Amino acid sequence: SGYDPEWQRVDTRAEFMNCLVRDPPDIIISDHVMPQFSSAEAL
């Protein structure tokens, strides 16, 4: 789609919160259901 993404993948609440605090992204793309975390929790 023409983007040049700089990206990071996380799958736990702790990793997610660390990214939000350390270097907030331009956008978040979240799987809905994962074993340790969910999109509702991330939201």
PDB file of all heavy atoms in Angstrom:
ATOM      1  N   SER A   1       0.810  -1.224   0.000  1.00  0.00           N
ATOM      2  CA  SER A   1       0.000   0.000   0.000  1.00  0.00           C
ATOM      3  C   SER A   1       0.842   1.273   0.000  1.00  0.00           C
ATOM      4  O   SER A   1       0.313   2.368   0.136  1.00  0.00           O
ATOM      5  CB  SER A   1      -0.927   0.002   1.221  1.00  0.00           C
ATOM      6  OG  SER A   1      -1.834  -1.066   1.139  1.00  0.00           O
ATOM      7  N   GLY A   2       2.162   1.116  -0.121  1.00  0.00           N
ATOM      8  CA  GLY A   2       3.026   2.284  -0.241  1.00  0.00           C
ATOM      9  C   GLY A   2       3.664   2.764   1.043  1.00  0.00           C
ATOM     10  O   GLY A   2       4.349   3.779   1.057  1.00  0.00           O
ATOM     11  N   TYR A   3       3.466   2.048   2.134  1.00  0.00           N
ATOM     12  CA  TYR A   3       4.093   2.425   3.398  1.00  0.00           C
ATOM     13  C   TYR A   3       5.477   1.784   3.512  1.00  0.00           C
ATOM     14  O   TYR A   3       5.741   0.747   2.920  1.00  0.00           O
ATOM     15  CB  TYR A   3       3.239   1.980   4.584  1.00  0.00           C
ATOM     16  CG  TYR A   3       1.955   2.751   4.710  1.00  0.00           C
ATOM     17  CD1 TYR A   3       0.752   2.193   4.314  1.00  0.00           C
ATOM     18  CD2 TYR A   3       1.951   4.042   5.207  1.00  0.00           C
ATOM     19  CE1 TYR A   3      -0.436   2.908   4.415  1.00  0.00           C
ATOM     20  CE2 TYR A   3       0.782   4.768   5.314  1.00  0.00           C
ATOM     21  CZ  TYR A   3      -0.412   4.181   4.916  1.00  0.00           C
ATOM     22  OH  TYR A   3      -1.561   4.900   5.019  1.00  0.00           O
ATOM     23  N   ASP A   4       6.322   2.422   4.283  1.00  0.00           N
ATOM     24  CA  ASP A   4       7.635   1.883   4.610  1.00  0.00           C
ATOM     25  C   ASP A   4       7.650   1.701   6.130  1.00  0.00           C
ATOM     26  O   ASP A   4       8.140   2.564   6.860  1.00  0.00           O
ATOM     27  CB  ASP A   4       8.732   2.846   4.158  1.00  0.00           C
ATOM     28  CG  ASP A   4      10.126   2.294   4.416  1.00  0.00           C
ATOM     29  OD1 ASP A   4      10.259   1.069   4.631  1.00  0.00           O
ATOM     30  OD2 ASP A   4      11.074   3.092   4.419  1.00  0.00           O
ATOM     31  N   PRO A   5       7.069   0.608   6.614  1.00  0.00           N
ATOM     32  CA  PRO A   5       6.890   0.475   8.062  1.00  0.00           C
ATOM     33  C   PRO A   5       8.159   0.103   8.823  1.00  0.00           C
ATOM     34  O   PRO A   5       8.931  -0.744   8.408  1.00  0.00           O
ATOM     35  CB  PRO A   5       5.848  -0.640   8.182  1.00  0.00           C
ATOM     36  CG  PRO A   5       6.001  -1.446   6.942  1.00  0.00           C
ATOM     37  CD  PRO A   5       6.485  -0.504   5.870  1.00  0.00           C
ATOM     38  N   GLU A   6       8.324   0.799   9.933  1.00  0.00           N
ATOM     39  CA  GLU A   6       9.285   0.408  10.952  1.00  0.00           C
ATOM     40  C   GLU A   6       8.396  -0.255  11.990  1.00  0.00           C
ATOM     41  O   GLU A   6       7.488   0.375  12.512  1.00  0.00           O
ATOM     42  CB  GLU A   6       9.958   1.651  11.528  1.00  0.00           C
ATOM     43  CG  GLU A   6      10.886   1.383  12.668  1.00  0.00           C
ATOM     44  CD  GLU A   6      11.420   2.681  13.260  1.00  0.00           C
ATOM     45  OE1 GLU A   6      11.807   3.577  12.489  1.00  0.00           O
ATOM     46  OE2 GLU A   6      11.397   2.790  14.504  1.00  0.00           O
ATOM     47  N   TRP A   7       8.608  -1.530  12.272  1.00  0.00           N
ATOM     48  CA  TRP A   7       7.634  -2.245  13.090  1.00  0.00           C
ATOM     49  C   TRP A   7       8.277  -3.101  14.166  1.00  0.00           C
ATOM     50  O   TRP A   7       9.432  -3.461  14.093  1.00  0.00           O
ATOM     51  CB  TRP A   7       6.726  -3.078  12.206  1.00  0.00           C
ATOM     52  CG  TRP A   7       7.427  -4.156  11.420  1.00  0.00           C
ATOM     53  CD1 TRP A   7       8.180  -3.985  10.284  1.00  0.00           C
ATOM     54  CD2 TRP A   7       7.448  -5.554  11.698  1.00  0.00           C
ATOM     55  NE1 TRP A   7       8.655  -5.195   9.860  1.00  0.00           N
ATOM     56  CE2 TRP A   7       8.222  -6.178  10.699  1.00  0.00           C
ATOM     57  CE3 TRP A   7       6.885  -6.336  12.710  1.00  0.00           C
ATOM     58  CZ2 TRP A   7       8.439  -7.547  10.675  1.00  0.00           C
ATOM     59  CZ3 TRP A   7       7.093  -7.711  12.686  1.00  0.00           C
ATOM     60  CH2 TRP A   7       7.861  -8.299  11.669  1.00  0.00           C
ATOM     61  N   GLN A   8       7.428  -3.380  15.143  1.00  0.00           N
ATOM     62  CA  GLN A   8       7.818  -4.261  16.239  1.00  0.00           C
ATOM     63  C   GLN A   8       6.605  -5.122  16.575  1.00  0.00           C
ATOM     64  O   GLN A   8       5.471  -4.648  16.556  1.00  0.00           O
ATOM     65  CB  GLN A   8       8.237  -3.439  17.446  1.00  0.00           C
ATOM     66  CG  GLN A   8       8.673  -4.298  18.605  1.00  0.00           C
ATOM     67  CD  GLN A   8       9.272  -3.467  19.733  1.00  0.00           C
ATOM     68  OE1 GLN A   8       9.438  -2.261  19.632  1.00  0.00           O
ATOM     69  NE2 GLN A   8       9.590  -4.139  20.825  1.00  0.00           N
ATOM     70  N   ARG A   9       6.870  -6.394  16.872  1.00  0.00           N
ATOM     71  CA  ARG A   9       5.798  -7.316  17.253  1.00  0.00           C
ATOM     72  C   ARG A   9       5.910  -7.626  18.729  1.00  0.00           C
ATOM     73  O   ARG A   9       6.995  -7.890  19.241  1.00  0.00           O
ATOM     74  CB  ARG A   9       5.902  -8.615  16.443  1.00  0.00           C
ATOM     75  CG  ARG A   9       4.794  -9.623  16.769  1.00  0.00           C
ATOM     76  CD  ARG A   9       4.976 -10.921  16.010  1.00  0.00           C
ATOM     77  NE  ARG A   9       6.133 -11.665  16.472  1.00  0.00           N
ATOM     78  CZ  ARG A   9       6.130 -12.499  17.520  1.00  0.00           C
ATOM     79  NH1 ARG A   9       5.025 -12.699  18.223  1.00  0.00           N
ATOM     80  NH2 ARG A   9       7.229 -13.142  17.863  1.00  0.00           N
ATOM     81  N   VAL A  10       4.777  -7.579  19.421  1.00  0.00           N
ATOM     82  CA  VAL A  10       4.696  -7.958  20.831  1.00  0.00           C
ATOM     83  C   VAL A  10       3.498  -8.883  21.008  1.00  0.00           C
ATOM     84  O   VAL A  10       2.570  -8.870  20.194  1.00  0.00           O
ATOM     85  CB  VAL A  10       4.562  -6.727  21.764  1.00  0.00           C
ATOM     86  CG1 VAL A  10       5.766  -5.804  21.624  1.00  0.00           C
ATOM     87  CG2 VAL A  10       3.281  -5.967  21.498  1.00  0.00           C
ATOM     88  N   ASP A  11       3.511  -9.660  22.089  1.00  0.00           N
ATOM     89  CA  ASP A  11       2.353 -10.517  22.335  1.00  0.00           C
ATOM     90  C   ASP A  11       1.983 -10.634  23.816  1.00  0.00           C
ATOM     91  O   ASP A  11       1.208 -11.498  24.203  1.00  0.00           O
ATOM     92  CB  ASP A  11       2.522 -11.895  21.698  1.00  0.00           C
ATOM     93  CG  ASP A  11       3.657 -12.710  22.293  1.00  0.00           C
ATOM     94  OD1 ASP A  11       4.394 -12.199  23.169  1.00  0.00           O
ATOM     95  OD2 ASP A  11       3.817 -13.873  21.877  1.00  0.00           O
ATOM     96  N   THR A  12       2.552  -9.743  24.639  1.00  0.00           N
ATOM     97  CA  THR A  12       2.174  -9.725  26.050  1.00  0.00           C
ATOM     98  C   THR A  12       1.846  -8.292  26.466  1.00  0.00           C
ATOM     99  O   THR A  12       2.296  -7.328  25.834  1.00  0.00           O
ATOM    100  CB  THR A  12       3.306 -10.244  26.961  1.00  0.00           C
ATOM    101  OG1 THR A  12       4.407  -9.334  26.910  1.00  0.00           O
ATOM    102  CG2 THR A  12       3.735 -11.651  26.578  1.00  0.00           C
ATOM    103  N   ARG A  13       1.101  -8.175  27.526  1.00  0.00           N
ATOM    104  CA  ARG A  13       0.741  -6.862  28.057  1.00  0.00           C
ATOM    105  C   ARG A  13       1.997  -6.071  28.466  1.00  0.00           C
ATOM    106  O   ARG A  13       2.105  -4.876  28.183  1.00  0.00           O
ATOM    107  CB  ARG A  13      -0.196  -7.032  29.249  1.00  0.00           C
ATOM    108  CG  ARG A  13      -0.609  -5.721  29.882  1.00  0.00           C
ATOM    109  CD  ARG A  13      -1.442  -5.965  31.147  1.00  0.00           C
ATOM    110  NE  ARG A  13      -1.759  -4.714  31.766  1.00  0.00           N
ATOM    111  CZ  ARG A  13      -2.907  -4.073  31.639  1.00  0.00           C
ATOM    112  NH1 ARG A  13      -3.877  -4.587  30.913  1.00  0.00           N
ATOM    113  NH2 ARG A  13      -3.104  -2.923  32.247  1.00  0.00           N
ATOM    114  N   ALA A  14       2.953  -6.741  29.114  1.00  0.00           N
ATOM    115  CA  ALA A  14       4.168  -6.061  29.577  1.00  0.00           C
ATOM    116  C   ALA A  14       4.953  -5.478  28.403  1.00  0.00           C
ATOM    117  O   ALA A  14       5.386  -4.324  28.447  1.00  0.00           O
ATOM    118  CB  ALA A  14       5.043  -7.027  30.382  1.00  0.00           C
ATOM    119  N   GLU A  15       5.138  -6.262  27.336  1.00  0.00           N
ATOM    120  CA  GLU A  15       5.852  -5.767  26.154  1.00  0.00           C
ATOM    121  C   GLU A  15       5.089  -4.606  25.512  1.00  0.00           C
ATOM    122  O   GLU A  15       5.695  -3.614  25.098  1.00  0.00           O
ATOM    123  CB  GLU A  15       6.005  -6.880  25.114  1.00  0.00           C
ATOM    124  CG  GLU A  15       6.912  -8.011  25.513  1.00  0.00           C
ATOM    125  CD  GLU A  15       6.849  -9.160  24.531  1.00  0.00           C
ATOM    126  OE1 GLU A  15       5.763  -9.458  23.982  1.00  0.00           O
ATOM    127  OE2 GLU A  15       7.912  -9.772  24.306  1.00  0.00           O
ATOM    128  N   PHE A  16       3.775  -4.755  25.445  1.00  0.00           N
ATOM    129  CA  PHE A  16       2.936  -3.722  24.845  1.00  0.00           C
ATOM    130  C   PHE A  16       3.062  -2.409  25.613  1.00  0.00           C
ATOM    131  O   PHE A  16       3.310  -1.347  25.026  1.00  0.00           O
ATOM    132  CB  PHE A  16       1.477  -4.206  24.823  1.00  0.00           C
ATOM    133  CG  PHE A  16       0.521  -3.252  24.175  1.00  0.00           C
ATOM    134  CD1 PHE A  16       0.504  -3.079  22.808  1.00  0.00           C
ATOM    135  CD2 PHE A  16      -0.369  -2.525  24.949  1.00  0.00           C
ATOM    136  CE1 PHE A  16      -0.382  -2.196  22.207  1.00  0.00           C
ATOM    137  CE2 PHE A  16      -1.267  -1.647  24.365  1.00  0.00           C
ATOM    138  CZ  PHE A  16      -1.278  -1.486  22.979  1.00  0.00           C
ATOM    139  N   MET A  17       2.924  -2.468  26.925  1.00  0.00           N
ATOM    140  CA  MET A  17       3.011  -1.264  27.746  1.00  0.00           C
ATOM    141  C   MET A  17       4.400  -0.625  27.648  1.00  0.00           C
ATOM    142  O   MET A  17       4.514   0.598  27.586  1.00  0.00           O
ATOM    143  CB  MET A  17       2.669  -1.579  29.204  1.00  0.00           C
ATOM    144  CG  MET A  17       1.210  -1.945  29.427  1.00  0.00           C
ATOM    145  SD  MET A  17       0.066  -0.661  28.853  1.00  0.00           S
ATOM    146  CE  MET A  17       0.495   0.693  29.937  1.00  0.00           C
ATOM    147  N   ASN A  18       5.425  -1.441  27.607  1.00  0.00           N
ATOM    148  CA  ASN A  18       6.784  -0.930  27.466  1.00  0.00           C
ATOM    149  C   ASN A  18       6.926  -0.131  26.164  1.00  0.00           C
ATOM    150  O   ASN A  18       7.508   0.954  26.157  1.00  0.00           O
ATOM    151  CB  ASN A  18       7.795  -2.079  27.506  1.00  0.00           C
ATOM    152  CG  ASN A  18       9.218  -1.592  27.481  1.00  0.00           C
ATOM    153  OD1 ASN A  18       9.579  -0.612  28.123  1.00  0.00           O
ATOM    154  ND2 ASN A  18      10.045  -2.277  26.719  1.00  0.00           N
ATOM    155  N   CYS A  19       6.375  -0.636  25.079  1.00  0.00           N
ATOM    156  CA  CYS A  19       6.439   0.074  23.794  1.00  0.00           C
ATOM    157  C   CYS A  19       5.648   1.369  23.834  1.00  0.00           C
ATOM    158  O   CYS A  19       6.089   2.379  23.274  1.00  0.00           O
ATOM    159  CB  CYS A  19       5.914  -0.817  22.667  1.00  0.00           C
ATOM    160  SG  CYS A  19       7.035  -2.153  22.249  1.00  0.00           S
ATOM    161  N   LEU A  20       4.493   1.355  24.477  1.00  0.00           N
ATOM    162  CA  LEU A  20       3.688   2.579  24.561  1.00  0.00           C
ATOM    163  C   LEU A  20       4.427   3.669  25.330  1.00  0.00           C
ATOM    164  O   LEU A  20       4.385   4.841  24.956  1.00  0.00           O
ATOM    165  CB  LEU A  20       2.347   2.313  25.241  1.00  0.00           C
ATOM    166  CG  LEU A  20       1.306   1.523  24.472  1.00  0.00           C
ATOM    167  CD1 LEU A  20       0.012   1.443  25.272  1.00  0.00           C
ATOM    168  CD2 LEU A  20       1.050   2.094  23.096  1.00  0.00           C
ATOM    169  N   VAL A  21       5.107   3.283  26.389  1.00  0.00           N
ATOM    170  CA  VAL A  21       5.818   4.246  27.234  1.00  0.00           C
ATOM    171  C   VAL A  21       7.122   4.701  26.578  1.00  0.00           C
ATOM    172  O   VAL A  21       7.426   5.888  26.527  1.00  0.00           O
ATOM    173  CB  VAL A  21       6.102   3.638  28.629  1.00  0.00           C
ATOM    174  CG1 VAL A  21       7.038   4.515  29.436  1.00  0.00           C
ATOM    175  CG2 VAL A  21       4.801   3.402  29.367  1.00  0.00           C
ATOM    176  N   ARG A  22       7.875   3.760  26.061  1.00  0.00           N
ATOM    177  CA  ARG A  22       9.209   4.037  25.522  1.00  0.00           C
ATOM    178  C   ARG A  22       9.159   4.780  24.195  1.00  0.00           C
ATOM    179  O   ARG A  22       9.875   5.760  23.998  1.00  0.00           O
ATOM    180  CB  ARG A  22       9.968   2.721  25.358  1.00  0.00           C
ATOM    181  CG  ARG A  22      11.385   2.832  24.903  1.00  0.00           C
ATOM    182  CD  ARG A  22      12.099   1.484  24.862  1.00  0.00           C
ATOM    183  NE  ARG A  22      11.246   0.365  24.528  1.00  0.00           N
ATOM    184  CZ  ARG A  22      11.093  -0.138  23.295  1.00  0.00           C
ATOM    185  NH1 ARG A  22      11.750   0.365  22.283  1.00  0.00           N
ATOM    186  NH2 ARG A  22      10.293  -1.167  23.084  1.00  0.00           N
ATOM    187  N   ASP A  23       8.321   4.317  23.262  1.00  0.00           N
ATOM    188  CA  ASP A  23       8.305   4.900  21.916  1.00  0.00           C
ATOM    189  C   ASP A  23       6.936   4.659  21.276  1.00  0.00           C
ATOM    190  O   ASP A  23       6.769   3.706  20.516  1.00  0.00           O
ATOM    191  CB  ASP A  23       9.417   4.269  21.072  1.00  0.00           C
ATOM    192  CG  ASP A  23       9.572   4.931  19.723  1.00  0.00           C
ATOM    193  OD1 ASP A  23       9.194   6.108  19.584  1.00  0.00           O
ATOM    194  OD2 ASP A  23      10.088   4.269  18.803  1.00  0.00           O
ATOM    195  N   PRO A  24       5.965   5.499  21.591  1.00  0.00           N
ATOM    196  CA  PRO A  24       4.610   5.282  21.050  1.00  0.00           C
ATOM    197  C   PRO A  24       4.626   5.235  19.521  1.00  0.00           C
ATOM    198  O   PRO A  24       5.257   6.064  18.870  1.00  0.00           O
ATOM    199  CB  PRO A  24       3.830   6.497  21.550  1.00  0.00           C
ATOM    200  CG  PRO A  24       4.593   7.003  22.724  1.00  0.00           C
ATOM    201  CD  PRO A  24       6.029   6.688  22.432  1.00  0.00           C
ATOM    202  N   PRO A  25       3.937   4.263  18.947  1.00  0.00           N
ATOM    203  CA  PRO A  25       3.909   4.118  17.488  1.00  0.00           C
ATOM    204  C   PRO A  25       2.908   5.084  16.848  1.00  0.00           C
ATOM    205  O   PRO A  25       2.139   5.751  17.540  1.00  0.00           O
ATOM    206  CB  PRO A  25       3.429   2.666  17.313  1.00  0.00           C
ATOM    207  CG  PRO A  25       2.533   2.457  18.491  1.00  0.00           C
ATOM    208  CD  PRO A  25       3.193   3.209  19.620  1.00  0.00           C
ATOM    209  N   ASP A  26       2.923   5.108  15.517  1.00  0.00           N
ATOM    210  CA  ASP A  26       1.937   5.893  14.768  1.00  0.00           C
ATOM    211  C   ASP A  26       0.600   5.168  14.714  1.00  0.00           C
ATOM    212  O   ASP A  26      -0.456   5.795  14.648  1.00  0.00           O
ATOM    213  CB  ASP A  26       2.410   6.134  13.334  1.00  0.00           C
ATOM    214  CG  ASP A  26       3.698   6.930  13.282  1.00  0.00           C
ATOM    215  OD1 ASP A  26       3.845   7.883  14.088  1.00  0.00           O
ATOM    216  OD2 ASP A  26       4.567   6.605  12.443  1.00  0.00           O
ATOM    217  N   ILE A  27       0.665   3.840  14.717  1.00  0.00           N
ATOM    218  CA  ILE A  27      -0.553   3.030  14.637  1.00  0.00           C
ATOM    219  C   ILE A  27      -0.303   1.680  15.292  1.00  0.00           C
ATOM    220  O   ILE A  27       0.829   1.203  15.351  1.00  0.00           O
ATOM    221  CB  ILE A  27      -1.009   2.862  13.159  1.00  0.00           C
ATOM    222  CG1 ILE A  27      -2.457   2.377  13.091  1.00  0.00           C
ATOM    223  CG2 ILE A  27      -0.059   1.968  12.370  1.00  0.00           C
ATOM    224  CD1 ILE A  27      -3.172   2.745  11.821  1.00  0.00           C
ATOM    225  N   ILE A  28      -1.383   1.084  15.801  1.00  0.00           N
ATOM    226  CA  ILE A  28      -1.323  -0.243  16.418  1.00  0.00           C
ATOM    227  C   ILE A  28      -2.221  -1.166  15.615  1.00  0.00           C
ATOM    228  O   ILE A  28      -3.372  -0.827  15.314  1.00  0.00           O
ATOM    229  CB  ILE A  28      -1.799  -0.196  17.883  1.00  0.00           C
ATOM    230  CG1 ILE A  28      -0.887   0.705  18.709  1.00  0.00           C
ATOM    231  CG2 ILE A  28      -1.866  -1.613  18.477  1.00  0.00           C
ATOM    232  CD1 ILE A  28      -1.445   1.079  20.076  1.00  0.00           C
ATOM    233  N   ILE A  29      -1.683  -2.333  15.270  1.00  0.00           N
ATOM    234  CA  ILE A  29      -2.452  -3.378  14.597  1.00  0.00           C
ATOM    235  C   ILE A  29      -2.432  -4.572  15.539  1.00  0.00           C
ATOM    236  O   ILE A  29      -1.364  -5.078  15.878  1.00  0.00           O
ATOM    237  CB  ILE A  29      -1.841  -3.733  13.228  1.00  0.00           C
ATOM    238  CG1 ILE A  29      -1.851  -2.491  12.320  1.00  0.00           C
ATOM    239  CG2 ILE A  29      -2.581  -4.904  12.595  1.00  0.00           C
ATOM    240  CD1 ILE A  29      -1.057  -2.649  11.048  1.00  0.00           C
ATOM    241  N   SER A  30      -3.622  -4.993  15.971  1.00  0.00           N
ATOM    242  CA  SER A  30      -3.686  -6.022  17.006  1.00  0.00           C
ATOM    243  C   SER A  30      -4.538  -7.213  16.594  1.00  0.00           C
ATOM    244  O   SER A  30      -5.680  -7.052  16.161  1.00  0.00           O
ATOM    245  CB  SER A  30      -4.275  -5.420  18.284  1.00  0.00           C
ATOM    246  OG  SER A  30      -4.403  -6.404  19.290  1.00  0.00           O
ATOM    247  N   ASP A  31      -3.970  -8.403  16.777  1.00  0.00           N
ATOM    248  CA  ASP A  31      -4.757  -9.624  16.656  1.00  0.00           C
ATOM    249  C   ASP A  31      -5.836  -9.561  17.732  1.00  0.00           C
ATOM    250  O   ASP A  31      -5.628  -8.962  18.791  1.00  0.00           O
ATOM    251  CB  ASP A  31      -3.846 -10.835  16.871  1.00  0.00           C
ATOM    252  CG  ASP A  31      -4.521 -12.167  16.568  1.00  0.00           C
ATOM    253  OD1 ASP A  31      -5.675 -12.175  16.091  1.00  0.00           O
ATOM    254  OD2 ASP A  31      -3.880 -13.207  16.800  1.00  0.00           O
ATOM    255  N   HIS A  32      -6.962 -10.171  17.460  1.00  0.00           N
ATOM    256  CA  HIS A  32      -8.063 -10.081  18.407  1.00  0.00           C
ATOM    257  C   HIS A  32      -7.873 -10.995  19.617  1.00  0.00           C
ATOM    258  O   HIS A  32      -8.033 -10.577  20.753  1.00  0.00           O
ATOM    259  CB  HIS A  32      -9.379 -10.382  17.704  1.00  0.00           C
ATOM    260  CG  HIS A  32     -10.569 -10.252  18.581  1.00  0.00           C
ATOM    261  ND1 HIS A  32     -10.821  -9.116  19.329  1.00  0.00           N
ATOM    262  CD2 HIS A  32     -11.571 -11.110  18.856  1.00  0.00           C
ATOM    263  CE1 HIS A  32     -11.937  -9.284  20.006  1.00  0.00           C
ATOM    264  NE2 HIS A  32     -12.407 -10.481  19.746  1.00  0.00           N
ATOM    265  N   VAL A  33      -7.509 -12.246  19.365  1.00  0.00           N
ATOM    266  CA  VAL A  33      -7.385 -13.219  20.456  1.00  0.00           C
ATOM    267  C   VAL A  33      -6.015 -13.885  20.389  1.00  0.00           C
ATOM    268  O   VAL A  33      -5.620 -14.406  19.358  1.00  0.00           O
ATOM    269  CB  VAL A  33      -8.487 -14.300  20.361  1.00  0.00           C
ATOM    270  CG1 VAL A  33      -8.328 -15.331  21.464  1.00  0.00           C
ATOM    271  CG2 VAL A  33      -9.864 -13.684  20.407  1.00  0.00           C
ATOM    272  N   MET A  34      -5.312 -13.823  21.508  1.00  0.00           N
ATOM    273  CA  MET A  34      -4.011 -14.478  21.641  1.00  0.00           C
ATOM    274  C   MET A  34      -3.986 -15.197  22.990  1.00  0.00           C
ATOM    275  O   MET A  34      -4.788 -14.880  23.865  1.00  0.00           O
ATOM    276  CB  MET A  34      -2.892 -13.428  21.579  1.00  0.00           C
ATOM    277  CG  MET A  34      -2.816 -12.699  20.256  1.00  0.00           C
ATOM    278  SD  MET A  34      -1.669 -11.315  20.322  1.00  0.00           S
ATOM    279  CE  MET A  34      -2.609 -10.170  21.312  1.00  0.00           C
ATOM    280  N   PRO A  35      -3.069 -16.131  23.166  1.00  0.00           N
ATOM    281  CA  PRO A  35      -3.037 -16.873  24.423  1.00  0.00           C
ATOM    282  C   PRO A  35      -2.831 -15.994  25.672  1.00  0.00           C
ATOM    283  O   PRO A  35      -3.418 -16.251  26.709  1.00  0.00           O
ATOM    284  CB  PRO A  35      -1.848 -17.828  24.253  1.00  0.00           C
ATOM    285  CG  PRO A  35      -1.667 -17.959  22.785  1.00  0.00           C
ATOM    286  CD  PRO A  35      -2.112 -16.650  22.199  1.00  0.00           C
ATOM    287  N   GLN A  36      -2.000 -14.929  25.581  1.00  0.00           N
ATOM    288  CA  GLN A  36      -1.654 -14.152  26.762  1.00  0.00           C
ATOM    289  C   GLN A  36      -2.246 -12.743  26.782  1.00  0.00           C
ATOM    290  O   GLN A  36      -2.074 -12.025  27.764  1.00  0.00           O
ATOM    291  CB  GLN A  36      -0.134 -14.026  26.864  1.00  0.00           C
ATOM    292  CG  GLN A  36       0.573 -15.353  27.004  1.00  0.00           C
ATOM    293  CD  GLN A  36       2.068 -15.161  27.091  1.00  0.00           C
ATOM    294  OE1 GLN A  36       2.546 -14.249  27.749  1.00  0.00           O
ATOM    295  NE2 GLN A  36       2.818 -16.021  26.421  1.00  0.00           N
ATOM    296  N   PHE A  37      -2.924 -12.342  25.712  1.00  0.00           N
ATOM    297  CA  PHE A  37      -3.332 -10.947  25.578  1.00  0.00           C
ATOM    298  C   PHE A  37      -4.456 -10.882  24.547  1.00  0.00           C
ATOM    299  O   PHE A  37      -4.613 -11.791  23.745  1.00  0.00           O
ATOM    300  CB  PHE A  37      -2.110 -10.148  25.105  1.00  0.00           C
ATOM    301  CG  PHE A  37      -2.129  -8.670  25.378  1.00  0.00           C
ATOM    302  CD1 PHE A  37      -2.650  -8.126  26.529  1.00  0.00           C
ATOM    303  CD2 PHE A  37      -1.570  -7.805  24.448  1.00  0.00           C
ATOM    304  CE1 PHE A  37      -2.628  -6.758  26.765  1.00  0.00           C
ATOM    305  CE2 PHE A  37      -1.532  -6.439  24.674  1.00  0.00           C
ATOM    306  CZ  PHE A  37      -2.065  -5.913  25.835  1.00  0.00           C
ATOM    307  N   SER A  38      -5.230  -9.809  24.549  1.00  0.00           N
ATOM    308  CA  SER A  38      -6.289  -9.668  23.549  1.00  0.00           C
ATOM    309  C   SER A  38      -6.349  -8.229  23.057  1.00  0.00           C
ATOM    310  O   SER A  38      -5.814  -7.320  23.696  1.00  0.00           O
ATOM    311  CB  SER A  38      -7.648 -10.055  24.147  1.00  0.00           C
ATOM    312  OG  SER A  38      -8.091  -9.052  25.048  1.00  0.00           O
ATOM    313  N   SER A  39      -7.034  -8.034  21.950  1.00  0.00           N
ATOM    314  CA  SER A  39      -7.176  -6.674  21.415  1.00  0.00           C
ATOM    315  C   SER A  39      -7.972  -5.798  22.377  1.00  0.00           C
ATOM    316  O   SER A  39      -7.678  -4.615  22.528  1.00  0.00           O
ATOM    317  CB  SER A  39      -7.827  -6.699  20.038  1.00  0.00           C
ATOM    318  OG  SER A  39      -9.139  -7.222  20.103  1.00  0.00           O
ATOM    319  N   ALA A  40      -8.948  -6.363  23.053  1.00  0.00           N
ATOM    320  CA  ALA A  40      -9.742  -5.583  24.010  1.00  0.00           C
ATOM    321  C   ALA A  40      -8.861  -5.093  25.161  1.00  0.00           C
ATOM    322  O   ALA A  40      -8.969  -3.939  25.588  1.00  0.00           O
ATOM    323  CB  ALA A  40     -10.911  -6.409  24.544  1.00  0.00           C
ATOM    324  N   GLU A  41      -7.963  -5.954  25.641  1.00  0.00           N
ATOM    325  CA  GLU A  41      -7.045  -5.547  26.711  1.00  0.00           C
ATOM    326  C   GLU A  41      -6.064  -4.482  26.212  1.00  0.00           C
ATOM    327  O   GLU A  41      -5.782  -3.514  26.916  1.00  0.00           O
ATOM    328  CB  GLU A  41      -6.261  -6.757  27.220  1.00  0.00           C
ATOM    329  CG  GLU A  41      -7.088  -7.758  27.990  1.00  0.00           C
ATOM    330  CD  GLU A  41      -6.290  -9.009  28.294  1.00  0.00           C
ATOM    331  OE1 GLU A  41      -6.032  -9.792  27.366  1.00  0.00           O
ATOM    332  OE2 GLU A  41      -5.905  -9.174  29.477  1.00  0.00           O
ATOM    333  N   ALA A  42      -5.553  -4.671  25.001  1.00  0.00           N
ATOM    334  CA  ALA A  42      -4.613  -3.698  24.434  1.00  0.00           C
ATOM    335  C   ALA A  42      -5.293  -2.344  24.234  1.00  0.00           C
ATOM    336  O   ALA A  42      -4.721  -1.303  24.550  1.00  0.00           O
ATOM    337  CB  ALA A  42      -4.052  -4.213  23.109  1.00  0.00           C
ATOM    338  N   LEU A  43      -6.518  -2.374  23.748  1.00  0.00           N
ATOM    339  CA  LEU A  43      -7.273  -1.139  23.541  1.00  0.00           C
ATOM    340  C   LEU A  43      -7.503  -0.423  24.876  1.00  0.00           C
ATOM    341  O   LEU A  43      -7.381   0.793  24.975  1.00  0.00           O
ATOM    342  CB  LEU A  43      -8.598  -1.462  22.856  1.00  0.00           C
ATOM    343  CG  LEU A  43      -9.395  -0.324  22.277  1.00  0.00           C
ATOM    344  CD1 LEU A  43      -8.584   0.502  21.303  1.00  0.00           C
ATOM    345  CD2 LEU A  43     -10.640  -0.875  21.584  1.00  0.00           C
TER     346      LEU A  43
END
